[in-house]
Amino acid sequence: ILHGRRARSYRYAAGFYGFSARPPFRPVCFSPAPVLHAPPSRVSLDKQLNRFADRVVYHCGSVFLEGKWTVSFGLHDKHCCLETFIHEDLLANALCIANPMV
C-alpha cells in the first residue's frame, strides 16, 4: 500500500489462507483483513535501511502446535519477531468457502 504525502512509503501487513487437508489442497478460507500489522517506526524514513518502507512486516515462517500458530516475521527491515495466534480465533474471523469441492 502506498501511503503518505510523497507516496514513497510502503506498508505491508500479513493475513492468512486456509487450505483443504486433502488433494488438491484448494483454498477454503482466508482472513478478510490483515491479522498482523506493524506499529509505527520510531526512526524517520530517511534513516531506515529501506527508506521506502513505512510500516512493514515480512512473514518468514509458521509453526502449529497445540492449537496455536507461532509466526516469525521481520519488522521494519530491522528486527526479528515472533507472534502467537490461537487457531480458533483466526477461524472465527475468517471468510470460508461454503462448498470447497466445487
PDB file of N, CA and C in Angstrom:
ATOM      1  N   ILE A   1       0.850  -1.162   0.000  1.00  0.00           N
ATOM      2  CA  ILE A   1       0.000   0.000   0.000  1.00  0.00           C
ATOM      3  C   ILE A   1       0.899   1.229   0.000  1.00  0.00           C
ATOM      4  N   LEU A   2       0.722   2.069  -0.964  1.00  0.00           N
ATOM      5  CA  LEU A   2       1.435   3.341  -0.949  1.00  0.00           C
ATOM      6  C   LEU A   2       0.726   4.275   0.008  1.00  0.00           C
ATOM      7  N   HIS A   3       1.481   4.951   0.848  1.00  0.00           N
ATOM      8  CA  HIS A   3       0.875   5.786   1.869  1.00  0.00           C
ATOM      9  C   HIS A   3       1.742   7.016   2.114  1.00  0.00           C
ATOM     10  N   GLY A   4       1.128   8.111   2.386  1.00  0.00           N
ATOM     11  CA  GLY A   4       1.876   9.311   2.731  1.00  0.00           C
ATOM     12  C   GLY A   4       1.814  10.374   1.657  1.00  0.00           C
ATOM     13  N   ARG A   5       2.197  11.569   2.036  1.00  0.00           N
ATOM     14  CA  ARG A   5       2.151  12.710   1.116  1.00  0.00           C
ATOM     15  C   ARG A   5       3.027  12.494  -0.103  1.00  0.00           C
ATOM     16  N   ARG A   6       4.192  11.946   0.106  1.00  0.00           N
ATOM     17  CA  ARG A   6       5.130  11.785  -1.010  1.00  0.00           C
ATOM     18  C   ARG A   6       4.914  10.477  -1.766  1.00  0.00           C
ATOM     19  N   ALA A   7       3.961   9.680  -1.328  1.00  0.00           N
ATOM     20  CA  ALA A   7       3.649   8.388  -1.958  1.00  0.00           C
ATOM     21  C   ALA A   7       4.905   7.561  -2.188  1.00  0.00           C
ATOM     22  N   ARG A   8       5.806   7.597  -1.245  1.00  0.00           N
ATOM     23  CA  ARG A   8       7.027   6.795  -1.356  1.00  0.00           C
ATOM     24  C   ARG A   8       7.142   5.813  -0.207  1.00  0.00           C
ATOM     25  N   SER A   9       6.153   5.766   0.635  1.00  0.00           N
ATOM     26  CA  SER A   9       6.235   4.881   1.785  1.00  0.00           C
ATOM     27  C   SER A   9       5.290   3.693   1.609  1.00  0.00           C
ATOM     28  N   TYR A  10       5.850   2.504   1.717  1.00  0.00           N
ATOM     29  CA  TYR A  10       5.083   1.278   1.574  1.00  0.00           C
ATOM     30  C   TYR A  10       4.714   0.734   2.947  1.00  0.00           C
ATOM     31  N   ARG A  11       3.534   0.128   3.022  1.00  0.00           N
ATOM     32  CA  ARG A  11       3.107  -0.552   4.245  1.00  0.00           C
ATOM     33  C   ARG A  11       2.745  -1.987   3.878  1.00  0.00           C
ATOM     34  N   TYR A  12       3.285  -2.915   4.644  1.00  0.00           N
ATOM     35  CA  TYR A  12       2.988  -4.325   4.442  1.00  0.00           C
ATOM     36  C   TYR A  12       2.379  -4.896   5.713  1.00  0.00           C
ATOM     37  N   ALA A  13       1.365  -5.725   5.545  1.00  0.00           N
ATOM     38  CA  ALA A  13       0.713  -6.410   6.653  1.00  0.00           C
ATOM     39  C   ALA A  13       0.564  -7.871   6.246  1.00  0.00           C
ATOM     40  N   ALA A  14       0.152  -8.727   7.174  1.00  0.00           N
ATOM     41  CA  ALA A  14       0.037 -10.152   6.869  1.00  0.00           C
ATOM     42  C   ALA A  14      -1.364 -10.667   7.203  1.00  0.00           C
ATOM     43  N   GLY A  15      -1.874 -11.516   6.334  1.00  0.00           N
ATOM     44  CA  GLY A  15      -3.129 -12.221   6.551  1.00  0.00           C
ATOM     45  C   GLY A  15      -2.858 -13.707   6.455  1.00  0.00           C
ATOM     46  N   PHE A  16      -3.902 -14.502   6.229  1.00  0.00           N
ATOM     47  CA  PHE A  16      -3.680 -15.937   6.084  1.00  0.00           C
ATOM     48  C   PHE A  16      -4.698 -16.560   5.138  1.00  0.00           C
ATOM     49  N   TYR A  17      -4.340 -17.715   4.606  1.00  0.00           N
ATOM     50  CA  TYR A  17      -5.213 -18.571   3.817  1.00  0.00           C
ATOM     51  C   TYR A  17      -5.266 -19.912   4.513  1.00  0.00           C
ATOM     52  N   GLY A  18      -6.422 -20.588   4.444  1.00  0.00           N
ATOM     53  CA  GLY A  18      -6.552 -21.958   4.925  1.00  0.00           C
ATOM     54  C   GLY A  18      -6.834 -22.864   3.743  1.00  0.00           C
ATOM     55  N   PHE A  19      -6.251 -24.045   3.729  1.00  0.00           N
ATOM     56  CA  PHE A  19      -6.394 -24.964   2.603  1.00  0.00           C
ATOM     57  C   PHE A  19      -7.026 -26.271   3.040  1.00  0.00           C
ATOM     58  N   SER A  20      -7.673 -26.929   2.111  1.00  0.00           N
ATOM     59  CA  SER A  20      -8.240 -28.250   2.345  1.00  0.00           C
ATOM     60  C   SER A  20      -7.126 -29.205   2.766  1.00  0.00           C
ATOM     61  N   ALA A  21      -7.449 -30.146   3.648  1.00  0.00           N
ATOM     62  CA  ALA A  21      -6.456 -31.111   4.117  1.00  0.00           C
ATOM     63  C   ALA A  21      -6.217 -32.235   3.113  1.00  0.00           C
ATOM     64  N   ARG A  22      -7.046 -32.303   2.080  1.00  0.00           N
ATOM     65  CA  ARG A  22      -6.922 -33.358   1.068  1.00  0.00           C
ATOM     66  C   ARG A  22      -6.626 -32.756  -0.306  1.00  0.00           C
ATOM     67  N   PRO A  23      -5.911 -33.510  -1.149  1.00  0.00           N
ATOM     68  CA  PRO A  23      -5.646 -33.030  -2.509  1.00  0.00           C
ATOM     69  C   PRO A  23      -6.965 -32.707  -3.209  1.00  0.00           C
ATOM     70  N   PRO A  24      -6.984 -31.687  -3.995  1.00  0.00           N
ATOM     71  CA  PRO A  24      -5.872 -30.866  -4.497  1.00  0.00           C
ATOM     72  C   PRO A  24      -5.547 -29.654  -3.627  1.00  0.00           C
ATOM     73  N   PHE A  25      -5.867 -29.691  -2.343  1.00  0.00           N
ATOM     74  CA  PHE A  25      -5.499 -28.644  -1.383  1.00  0.00           C
ATOM     75  C   PHE A  25      -6.004 -27.262  -1.803  1.00  0.00           C
ATOM     76  N   ARG A  26      -7.280 -27.194  -2.115  1.00  0.00           N
ATOM     77  CA  ARG A  26      -7.897 -25.929  -2.527  1.00  0.00           C
ATOM     78  C   ARG A  26      -8.011 -24.973  -1.333  1.00  0.00           C
ATOM     79  N   PRO A  27      -7.956 -23.674  -1.594  1.00  0.00           N
ATOM     80  CA  PRO A  27      -8.200 -22.699  -0.521  1.00  0.00           C
ATOM     81  C   PRO A  27      -9.633 -22.840  -0.015  1.00  0.00           C
ATOM     82  N   VAL A  28      -9.814 -22.808   1.297  1.00  0.00           N
ATOM     83  CA  VAL A  28     -11.158 -22.931   1.880  1.00  0.00           C
ATOM     84  C   VAL A  28     -11.516 -21.747   2.766  1.00  0.00           C
ATOM     85  N   CYS A  29     -10.540 -20.951   3.175  1.00  0.00           N
ATOM     86  CA  CYS A  29     -10.840 -19.758   3.972  1.00  0.00           C
ATOM     87  C   CYS A  29      -9.672 -18.789   3.892  1.00  0.00           C
ATOM     88  N   PHE A  30      -9.956 -17.545   4.292  1.00  0.00           N
ATOM     89  CA  PHE A  30      -8.914 -16.525   4.305  1.00  0.00           C
ATOM     90  C   PHE A  30      -9.306 -15.430   5.281  1.00  0.00           C
ATOM     91  N   SER A  31      -8.339 -14.645   5.669  1.00  0.00           N
ATOM     92  CA  SER A  31      -8.619 -13.512   6.553  1.00  0.00           C
ATOM     93  C   SER A  31      -9.039 -12.331   5.681  1.00  0.00           C
ATOM     94  N   PRO A  32     -10.199 -11.746   5.958  1.00  0.00           N
ATOM     95  CA  PRO A  32     -10.652 -10.606   5.143  1.00  0.00           C
ATOM     96  C   PRO A  32      -9.864  -9.329   5.439  1.00  0.00           C
ATOM     97  N   ALA A  33      -9.189  -9.308   6.550  1.00  0.00           N
ATOM     98  CA  ALA A  33      -8.361  -8.156   6.933  1.00  0.00           C
ATOM     99  C   ALA A  33      -7.039  -8.695   7.480  1.00  0.00           C
ATOM    100  N   PRO A  34      -5.989  -7.909   7.437  1.00  0.00           N
ATOM    101  CA  PRO A  34      -4.714  -8.377   7.977  1.00  0.00           C
ATOM    102  C   PRO A  34      -4.828  -8.771   9.452  1.00  0.00           C
ATOM    103  N   VAL A  35      -4.062  -9.777   9.828  1.00  0.00           N
ATOM    104  CA  VAL A  35      -4.034 -10.219  11.229  1.00  0.00           C
ATOM    105  C   VAL A  35      -2.762  -9.757  11.933  1.00  0.00           C
ATOM    106  N   LEU A  36      -1.814  -9.256  11.164  1.00  0.00           N
ATOM    107  CA  LEU A  36      -0.549  -8.796  11.714  1.00  0.00           C
ATOM    108  C   LEU A  36      -0.190  -7.459  11.073  1.00  0.00           C
ATOM    109  N   HIS A  37      -0.073  -6.429  11.905  1.00  0.00           N
ATOM    110  CA  HIS A  37       0.258  -5.078  11.449  1.00  0.00           C
ATOM    111  C   HIS A  37       1.551  -4.633  12.118  1.00  0.00           C
ATOM    112  N   ALA A  38       2.265  -3.768  11.444  1.00  0.00           N
ATOM    113  CA  ALA A  38       3.467  -3.183  12.046  1.00  0.00           C
ATOM    114  C   ALA A  38       3.107  -1.883  12.754  1.00  0.00           C
ATOM    115  N   PRO A  39       3.631  -1.676  13.943  1.00  0.00           N
ATOM    116  CA  PRO A  39       3.432  -0.380  14.604  1.00  0.00           C
ATOM    117  C   PRO A  39       4.271   0.678  13.893  1.00  0.00           C
ATOM    118  N   PRO A  40       3.998   1.948  14.130  1.00  0.00           N
ATOM    119  CA  PRO A  40       4.824   2.992  13.519  1.00  0.00           C
ATOM    120  C   PRO A  40       6.289   2.832  13.911  1.00  0.00           C
ATOM    121  N   SER A  41       7.163   3.085  12.986  1.00  0.00           N
ATOM    122  CA  SER A  41       8.598   3.027  13.266  1.00  0.00           C
ATOM    123  C   SER A  41       9.004   4.256  14.060  1.00  0.00           C
ATOM    124  N   ARG A  42       9.989   4.091  14.926  1.00  0.00           N
ATOM    125  CA  ARG A  42      10.491   5.217  15.722  1.00  0.00           C
ATOM    126  C   ARG A  42      11.610   5.967  15.008  1.00  0.00           C
ATOM    127  N   VAL A  43      11.972   5.461  13.831  1.00  0.00           N
ATOM    128  CA  VAL A  43      13.050   6.069  13.059  1.00  0.00           C
ATOM    129  C   VAL A  43      12.437   6.733  11.828  1.00  0.00           C
ATOM    130  N   SER A  44      12.945   7.901  11.436  1.00  0.00           N
ATOM    131  CA  SER A  44      12.410   8.557  10.248  1.00  0.00           C
ATOM    132  C   SER A  44      12.698   7.699   9.022  1.00  0.00           C
ATOM    133  N   LEU A  45      11.857   7.831   8.011  1.00  0.00           N
ATOM    134  CA  LEU A  45      12.023   7.035   6.790  1.00  0.00           C
ATOM    135  C   LEU A  45      13.386   7.263   6.152  1.00  0.00           C
ATOM    136  N   ASP A  46      13.925   8.460   6.244  1.00  0.00           N
ATOM    137  CA  ASP A  46      15.210   8.763   5.620  1.00  0.00           C
ATOM    138  C   ASP A  46      16.382   8.045   6.293  1.00  0.00           C
ATOM    139  N   LYS A  47      16.207   7.588   7.559  1.00  0.00           N
ATOM    140  CA  LYS A  47      17.289   6.931   8.286  1.00  0.00           C
ATOM    141  C   LYS A  47      17.131   5.409   8.330  1.00  0.00           C
ATOM    142  N   GLN A  48      16.049   4.876   7.755  1.00  0.00           N
ATOM    143  CA  GLN A  48      15.830   3.427   7.759  1.00  0.00           C
ATOM    144  C   GLN A  48      16.661   2.749   6.687  1.00  0.00           C
ATOM    145  N   LEU A  49      16.882   1.440   6.847  1.00  0.00           N
ATOM    146  CA  LEU A  49      17.594   0.663   5.837  1.00  0.00           C
ATOM    147  C   LEU A  49      16.865   0.736   4.498  1.00  0.00           C
ATOM    148  N   ASN A  50      15.548   0.606   4.532  1.00  0.00           N
ATOM    149  CA  ASN A  50      14.731   0.730   3.330  1.00  0.00           C
ATOM    150  C   ASN A  50      13.876   1.981   3.510  1.00  0.00           C
ATOM    151  N   ARG A  51      14.313   3.081   2.977  1.00  0.00           N
ATOM    152  CA  ARG A  51      13.632   4.348   3.220  1.00  0.00           C
ATOM    153  C   ARG A  51      12.273   4.446   2.549  1.00  0.00           C
ATOM    154  N   PHE A  52      11.909   3.458   1.733  1.00  0.00           N
ATOM    155  CA  PHE A  52      10.593   3.456   1.100  1.00  0.00           C
ATOM    156  C   PHE A  52       9.570   2.663   1.902  1.00  0.00           C
ATOM    157  N   ALA A  53      10.019   1.961   2.922  1.00  0.00           N
ATOM    158  CA  ALA A  53       9.124   1.127   3.731  1.00  0.00           C
ATOM    159  C   ALA A  53       8.749   1.855   5.014  1.00  0.00           C
ATOM    160  N   ASP A  54       7.460   2.083   5.198  1.00  0.00           N
ATOM    161  CA  ASP A  54       6.973   2.808   6.369  1.00  0.00           C
ATOM    162  C   ASP A  54       6.708   1.842   7.511  1.00  0.00           C
ATOM    163  N   ARG A  55       5.626   1.082   7.432  1.00  0.00           N
ATOM    164  CA  ARG A  55       5.270   0.088   8.446  1.00  0.00           C
ATOM    165  C   ARG A  55       5.229  -1.262   7.752  1.00  0.00           C
ATOM    166  N   VAL A  56       6.216  -2.098   8.030  1.00  0.00           N
ATOM    167  CA  VAL A  56       6.301  -3.352   7.289  1.00  0.00           C
ATOM    168  C   VAL A  56       6.507  -4.554   8.198  1.00  0.00           C
ATOM    169  N   VAL A  57       5.819  -5.642   7.864  1.00  0.00           N
ATOM    170  CA  VAL A  57       6.067  -6.955   8.452  1.00  0.00           C
ATOM    171  C   VAL A  57       6.287  -7.921   7.296  1.00  0.00           C
ATOM    172  N   TYR A  58       7.302  -8.758   7.401  1.00  0.00           N
ATOM    173  CA  TYR A  58       7.616  -9.761   6.395  1.00  0.00           C
ATOM    174  C   TYR A  58       7.529 -11.128   7.060  1.00  0.00           C
ATOM    175  N   HIS A  59       6.511 -11.889   6.690  1.00  0.00           N
ATOM    176  CA  HIS A  59       6.328 -13.226   7.246  1.00  0.00           C
ATOM    177  C   HIS A  59       7.479 -14.113   6.802  1.00  0.00           C
ATOM    178  N   CYS A  60       8.028 -14.885   7.741  1.00  0.00           N
ATOM    179  CA  CYS A  60       9.152 -15.777   7.437  1.00  0.00           C
ATOM    180  C   CYS A  60       8.757 -17.247   7.547  1.00  0.00           C
ATOM    181  N   GLY A  61       7.943 -17.598   8.533  1.00  0.00           N
ATOM    182  CA  GLY A  61       7.559 -18.985   8.721  1.00  0.00           C
ATOM    183  C   GLY A  61       6.548 -19.114   9.841  1.00  0.00           C
ATOM    184  N   SER A  62       5.925 -20.297   9.927  1.00  0.00           N
ATOM    185  CA  SER A  62       4.907 -20.549  10.945  1.00  0.00           C
ATOM    186  C   SER A  62       5.015 -21.979  11.442  1.00  0.00           C
ATOM    187  N   VAL A  63       4.664 -22.167  12.714  1.00  0.00           N
ATOM    188  CA  VAL A  63       4.621 -23.495  13.321  1.00  0.00           C
ATOM    189  C   VAL A  63       3.294 -23.619  14.058  1.00  0.00           C
ATOM    190  N   PHE A  64       2.609 -24.764  13.861  1.00  0.00           N
ATOM    191  CA  PHE A  64       1.343 -25.023  14.546  1.00  0.00           C
ATOM    192  C   PHE A  64       1.575 -26.076  15.622  1.00  0.00           C
ATOM    193  N   LEU A  65       1.211 -25.756  16.863  1.00  0.00           N
ATOM    194  CA  LEU A  65       1.392 -26.683  17.969  1.00  0.00           C
ATOM    195  C   LEU A  65       0.335 -26.402  19.026  1.00  0.00           C
ATOM    196  N   GLU A  66      -0.390 -27.441  19.405  1.00  0.00           N
ATOM    197  CA  GLU A  66      -1.380 -27.382  20.479  1.00  0.00           C
ATOM    198  C   GLU A  66      -2.386 -26.244  20.302  1.00  0.00           C
ATOM    199  N   GLY A  67      -2.904 -26.109  19.073  1.00  0.00           N
ATOM    200  CA  GLY A  67      -3.947 -25.129  18.805  1.00  0.00           C
ATOM    201  C   GLY A  67      -3.480 -23.699  18.626  1.00  0.00           C
ATOM    202  N   LYS A  68      -2.154 -23.500  18.557  1.00  0.00           N
ATOM    203  CA  LYS A  68      -1.617 -22.150  18.399  1.00  0.00           C
ATOM    204  C   LYS A  68      -0.637 -22.099  17.232  1.00  0.00           C
ATOM    205  N   TRP A  69      -0.644 -20.971  16.554  1.00  0.00           N
ATOM    206  CA  TRP A  69       0.328 -20.692  15.499  1.00  0.00           C
ATOM    207  C   TRP A  69       1.386 -19.745  16.054  1.00  0.00           C
ATOM    208  N   THR A  70       2.641 -20.106  15.914  1.00  0.00           N
ATOM    209  CA  THR A  70       3.735 -19.201  16.214  1.00  0.00           C
ATOM    210  C   THR A  70       4.300 -18.753  14.876  1.00  0.00           C
ATOM    211  N   VAL A  71       4.303 -17.448  14.668  1.00  0.00           N
ATOM    212  CA  VAL A  71       4.693 -16.867  13.389  1.00  0.00           C
ATOM    213  C   VAL A  71       5.965 -16.053  13.578  1.00  0.00           C
ATOM    214  N   SER A  72       6.943 -16.310  12.718  1.00  0.00           N
ATOM    215  CA  SER A  72       8.153 -15.493  12.735  1.00  0.00           C
ATOM    216  C   SER A  72       8.048 -14.471  11.606  1.00  0.00           C
ATOM    217  N   PHE A  73       8.531 -13.263  11.883  1.00  0.00           N
ATOM    218  CA  PHE A  73       8.450 -12.217  10.861  1.00  0.00           C
ATOM    219  C   PHE A  73       9.512 -11.158  11.109  1.00  0.00           C
ATOM    220  N   GLY A  74       9.847 -10.450  10.048  1.00  0.00           N
ATOM    221  CA  GLY A  74      10.735  -9.313  10.148  1.00  0.00           C
ATOM    222  C   GLY A  74       9.901  -8.055  10.315  1.00  0.00           C
ATOM    223  N   LEU A  75      10.408  -7.112  11.081  1.00  0.00           N
ATOM    224  CA  LEU A  75       9.706  -5.869  11.350  1.00  0.00           C
ATOM    225  C   LEU A  75      10.571  -4.688  10.931  1.00  0.00           C
ATOM    226  N   HIS A  76      10.042  -3.851  10.049  1.00  0.00           N
ATOM    227  CA  HIS A  76      10.719  -2.619   9.608  1.00  0.00           C
ATOM    228  C   HIS A  76      12.114  -2.871   9.033  1.00  0.00           C
ATOM    229  N   ASP A  77      12.340  -4.012   8.410  1.00  0.00           N
ATOM    230  CA  ASP A  77      13.655  -4.332   7.847  1.00  0.00           C
ATOM    231  C   ASP A  77      14.766  -4.253   8.883  1.00  0.00           C
ATOM    232  N   LYS A  78      14.405  -4.450  10.158  1.00  0.00           N
ATOM    233  CA  LYS A  78      15.403  -4.248  11.207  1.00  0.00           C
ATOM    234  C   LYS A  78      15.349  -5.290  12.316  1.00  0.00           C
ATOM    235  N   HIS A  79      14.164  -5.780  12.671  1.00  0.00           N
ATOM    236  CA  HIS A  79      14.002  -6.659  13.822  1.00  0.00           C
ATOM    237  C   HIS A  79      13.453  -8.022  13.404  1.00  0.00           C
ATOM    238  N   CYS A  80      13.799  -9.043  14.167  1.00  0.00           N
ATOM    239  CA  CYS A  80      13.207 -10.374  14.041  1.00  0.00           C
ATOM    240  C   CYS A  80      12.212 -10.542  15.183  1.00  0.00           C
ATOM    241  N   CYS A  81      11.007 -11.011  14.876  1.00  0.00           N
ATOM    242  CA  CYS A  81       9.956 -11.081  15.887  1.00  0.00           C
ATOM    243  C   CYS A  81       9.202 -12.405  15.819  1.00  0.00           C
ATOM    244  N   LEU A  82       8.503 -12.720  16.908  1.00  0.00           N
ATOM    245  CA  LEU A  82       7.591 -13.859  16.974  1.00  0.00           C
ATOM    246  C   LEU A  82       6.249 -13.358  17.488  1.00  0.00           C
ATOM    247  N   GLU A  83       5.172 -13.911  16.953  1.00  0.00           N
ATOM    248  CA  GLU A  83       3.818 -13.604  17.414  1.00  0.00           C
ATOM    249  C   GLU A  83       3.057 -14.915  17.482  1.00  0.00           C
ATOM    250  N   THR A  84       2.156 -15.045  18.441  1.00  0.00           N
ATOM    251  CA  THR A  84       1.356 -16.254  18.603  1.00  0.00           C
ATOM    252  C   THR A  84      -0.106 -15.938  18.346  1.00  0.00           C
ATOM    253  N   PHE A  85      -0.767 -16.825  17.585  1.00  0.00           N
ATOM    254  CA  PHE A  85      -2.189 -16.699  17.286  1.00  0.00           C
ATOM    255  C   PHE A  85      -2.895 -17.980  17.684  1.00  0.00           C
ATOM    256  N   ILE A  86      -4.057 -17.863  18.280  1.00  0.00           N
ATOM    257  CA  ILE A  86      -4.881 -19.033  18.604  1.00  0.00           C
ATOM    258  C   ILE A  86      -5.661 -19.413  17.353  1.00  0.00           C
ATOM    259  N   HIS A  87      -5.544 -20.668  16.944  1.00  0.00           N
ATOM    260  CA  HIS A  87      -6.137 -21.153  15.704  1.00  0.00           C
ATOM    261  C   HIS A  87      -7.645 -20.863  15.637  1.00  0.00           C
ATOM    262  N   GLU A  88      -8.364 -21.153  16.693  1.00  0.00           N
ATOM    263  CA  GLU A  88      -9.820 -20.953  16.695  1.00  0.00           C
ATOM    264  C   GLU A  88     -10.187 -19.480  16.550  1.00  0.00           C
ATOM    265  N   ASP A  89      -9.390 -18.580  17.107  1.00  0.00           N
ATOM    266  CA  ASP A  89      -9.648 -17.144  16.956  1.00  0.00           C
ATOM    267  C   ASP A  89      -9.470 -16.709  15.502  1.00  0.00           C
ATOM    268  N   LEU A  90      -8.459 -17.239  14.836  1.00  0.00           N
ATOM    269  CA  LEU A  90      -8.261 -16.924  13.424  1.00  0.00           C
ATOM    270  C   LEU A  90      -9.454 -17.397  12.597  1.00  0.00           C
ATOM    271  N   LEU A  91      -9.895 -18.631  12.846  1.00  0.00           N
ATOM    272  CA  LEU A  91     -11.022 -19.170  12.086  1.00  0.00           C
ATOM    273  C   LEU A  91     -12.321 -18.425  12.377  1.00  0.00           C
ATOM    274  N   ALA A  92     -12.487 -17.947  13.603  1.00  0.00           N
ATOM    275  CA  ALA A  92     -13.707 -17.221  13.962  1.00  0.00           C
ATOM    276  C   ALA A  92     -13.857 -15.942  13.152  1.00  0.00           C
ATOM    277  N   ASN A  93     -12.758 -15.365  12.709  1.00  0.00           N
ATOM    278  CA  ASN A  93     -12.801 -14.126  11.932  1.00  0.00           C
ATOM    279  C   ASN A  93     -12.546 -14.328  10.451  1.00  0.00           C
ATOM    280  N   ALA A  94     -12.443 -15.571  10.019  1.00  0.00           N
ATOM    281  CA  ALA A  94     -12.136 -15.875   8.608  1.00  0.00           C
ATOM    282  C   ALA A  94     -13.395 -15.921   7.761  1.00  0.00           C
ATOM    283  N   LEU A  95     -13.220 -15.709   6.469  1.00  0.00           N
ATOM    284  CA  LEU A  95     -14.277 -15.940   5.493  1.00  0.00           C
ATOM    285  C   LEU A  95     -14.012 -17.320   4.903  1.00  0.00           C
ATOM    286  N   CYS A  96     -15.014 -18.188   4.941  1.00  0.00           N
ATOM    287  CA  CYS A  96     -14.838 -19.553   4.479  1.00  0.00           C
ATOM    288  C   CYS A  96     -15.714 -19.832   3.274  1.00  0.00           C
ATOM    289  N   ILE A  97     -15.218 -20.678   2.395  1.00  0.00           N
ATOM    290  CA  ILE A  97     -15.945 -21.096   1.203  1.00  0.00           C
ATOM    291  C   ILE A  97     -16.929 -22.177   1.613  1.00  0.00           C
ATOM    292  N   ALA A  98     -18.211 -21.987   1.273  1.00  0.00           N
ATOM    293  CA  ALA A  98     -19.271 -22.900   1.709  1.00  0.00           C
ATOM    294  C   ALA A  98     -19.069 -24.304   1.173  1.00  0.00           C
ATOM    295  N   ASN A  99     -18.722 -24.453  -0.086  1.00  0.00           N
ATOM    296  CA  ASN A  99     -18.531 -25.779  -0.691  1.00  0.00           C
ATOM    297  C   ASN A  99     -17.199 -25.788  -1.430  1.00  0.00           C
ATOM    298  N   PRO A 100     -16.092 -26.088  -0.741  1.00  0.00           N
ATOM    299  CA  PRO A 100     -14.780 -26.010  -1.361  1.00  0.00           C
ATOM    300  C   PRO A 100     -14.528 -27.023  -2.459  1.00  0.00           C
ATOM    301  N   MET A 101     -15.358 -28.021  -2.607  1.00  0.00           N
ATOM    302  CA  MET A 101     -15.137 -29.050  -3.624  1.00  0.00           C
ATOM    303  C   MET A 101     -15.684 -28.653  -4.990  1.00  0.00           C
ATOM    304  N   VAL A 102     -16.356 -27.528  -5.091  1.00  0.00           N
ATOM    305  CA  VAL A 102     -16.931 -27.104  -6.376  1.00  0.00           C
ATOM    306  C   VAL A 102     -15.867 -26.482  -7.226  1.00  0.00           C
TER     307      VAL A 102
END
